[in-house]
Protein backbone atom coordinates (compact mmCIF):
# COMPACT_ATOMS: atom_id res chain seq x y z
CA MET A 1 0.09 -0.17 0.00
CA GLU A 2 2.98 2.42 0.58
CA ARG A 3 3.61 1.80 -2.55
CA ARG A 4 1.05 3.40 -4.26
CA ASP A 5 0.51 6.24 -1.97
CA ILE A 6 3.91 7.29 -2.95
CA ARG A 7 2.96 6.91 -6.85
CA ALA A 8 -0.19 8.80 -6.39
CA SER A 9 1.57 11.85 -4.96
CA TYR A 10 3.81 11.48 -7.36
CA GLU A 11 1.00 11.77 -10.06
CA ASP A 12 -0.28 14.45 -7.65
CA ASP A 13 2.78 16.27 -7.98
CA LEU A 14 3.28 15.55 -11.61
CA ASN A 15 -0.04 16.79 -12.53
CA ARG A 16 0.56 19.89 -9.95
CA LEU A 17 3.87 21.00 -11.71
CA LYS A 18 1.86 20.40 -15.76
CA GLU A 19 -0.82 22.85 -14.14
CA ALA A 20 1.68 25.07 -12.77
CA GLN A 21 3.06 25.15 -16.30
CA ARG A 22 0.30 25.72 -17.93
CA ASN A 23 -1.00 28.58 -15.51
CA SER A 24 2.39 29.91 -16.53
CA ALA A 25 2.57 29.49 -20.00
CA ILE A 26 -1.15 31.42 -20.40
CA ALA A 27 -0.15 34.27 -18.03
CA GLY A 28 2.64 34.99 -20.17
CA LEU A 29 0.05 34.34 -23.47
CA GLU A 30 -2.10 37.61 -22.02
CA ASN A 31 0.77 39.54 -21.15
CA THR A 32 2.27 39.27 -24.71
CA ARG A 33 -1.09 39.47 -26.00
CA ASN A 34 -2.15 42.98 -23.81
CA GLN A 35 0.77 44.45 -24.72
CA ALA A 36 1.12 43.96 -28.51
CA LEU A 37 -2.95 45.61 -28.13
CA SER A 38 -1.44 48.57 -26.45
CA ASN A 39 0.81 49.39 -28.94
CA LEU A 40 -1.37 48.96 -31.65
CA GLU A 41 -3.87 51.06 -29.90
CA ALA A 42 -0.80 53.45 -30.04
CA GLU A 43 0.35 53.29 -33.17
CA LYS A 44 -3.54 54.31 -34.08
CA ARG A 45 -3.85 56.88 -31.78
CA GLN A 46 -0.36 58.47 -33.74
CA ASN A 47 -1.38 57.14 -36.98
CA ALA A 48 -4.66 59.17 -36.68
CA ALA A 49 -2.40 62.46 -35.47
CA THR A 50 -0.22 62.38 -38.39
CA TYR A 51 -2.82 62.10 -40.90
CA ASN A 52 -5.22 64.49 -39.50
CA SER A 53 -1.96 67.04 -39.44
CA GLN A 54 -1.00 66.10 -43.40
CA ARG A 55 -5.09 66.46 -43.92
CA SER A 56 -4.81 70.47 -42.01
CA SER A 57 -1.98 71.04 -44.09
CA ALA A 58 -3.19 70.07 -47.24
CA ASN A 59 -6.26 72.52 -47.06
CA ALA A 60 -4.31 75.47 -45.59
CA GLN A 61 -2.25 74.86 -48.71
CA ASN A 62 -4.91 74.46 -50.72
CA ARG A 63 -6.47 77.68 -49.36
CA LEU A 64 -3.08 79.48 -49.92
CA SER A 65 -2.86 78.60 -53.36
CA ALA A 66 -6.67 79.94 -54.23
CA ARG A 67 -5.79 83.25 -52.04
CA ASN A 68 -2.74 83.98 -53.74
CA PHE A 69 -4.48 82.28 -57.67
CA GLN A 70 -7.08 85.58 -56.59
CA GLU A 71 -4.52 88.09 -55.87
CA TYR A 72 -2.48 87.21 -59.67
CA LEU A 73 -6.08 87.79 -61.03
CA ALA A 74 -6.68 90.51 -59.13
CA SER A 75 -3.55 92.33 -59.93
CA THR A 76 -3.98 91.58 -63.85
CA GLY A 77 -7.74 92.91 -63.75
CA ARG A 78 -9.20 89.61 -64.41
CA ALA A 79 -10.94 88.93 -61.46
CA ASN A 80 -14.02 88.76 -62.93
CA SER A 81 -13.11 86.74 -65.71
CA GLY A 82 -14.22 82.99 -65.86
CA LEU A 83 -10.86 82.05 -65.11
CA GLY A 84 -11.72 82.49 -60.66
CA ALA A 85 -14.45 80.22 -61.20
CA GLN A 86 -12.47 77.66 -62.96
CA ALA A 87 -9.43 78.00 -61.00
CA ARG A 88 -12.00 77.42 -57.97
CA MET A 89 -13.52 73.91 -59.21
CA GLN A 90 -9.71 72.70 -59.78
CA SER A 91 -9.01 74.40 -56.76
CA ALA A 92 -11.31 71.68 -54.91
CA ASN A 93 -11.00 69.14 -56.88
CA ASN A 94 -7.18 68.92 -56.32
CA LEU A 95 -7.87 69.35 -52.46
CA ASN A 96 -10.07 66.38 -52.67
CA THR A 97 -8.00 63.93 -54.53
CA SER A 98 -5.04 65.05 -51.32
CA ILE A 99 -8.00 64.10 -48.94
CA ASN A 100 -8.57 61.12 -50.53
CA ALA A 101 -4.94 59.65 -50.75
CA LEU A 102 -4.62 60.49 -47.46
CA ASN A 103 -7.13 59.08 -46.08
CA THR A 104 -6.35 56.26 -48.41
CA GLY A 105 -2.67 56.06 -46.96
CA GLU A 106 -4.65 56.45 -43.34
CA ALA A 107 -6.92 53.21 -44.40
CA ALA A 108 -3.66 51.45 -45.30
CA ALA A 109 -1.51 51.73 -42.19
CA LEU A 110 -4.61 50.87 -39.85
CA ALA A 111 -4.99 47.93 -41.79
CA ASP A 112 -1.06 46.80 -41.54
């Protein structure tokens, strides 16, 4: 009977050791997962800030270009010509193209 008790004791010890190893591995995986999620969230915030800044810059550059062109038209006496309307349409088109490219870049960065 003693041998049986010793054997059961060894099996219990082995089972406890396996369970401890399993729990340690699970904890390690959870820590790795949590760290990866934290890193992804930080990268997401950084990407959003970067792309918002770039969109703002594109908008400001577009406004500056439109203003400069309007001043050019005014200085050459063509402010009331059809060139102003055409330039506004082209300017809006350029801005939309820039914003769309930035949005596509941001979506690709998020997907990555």
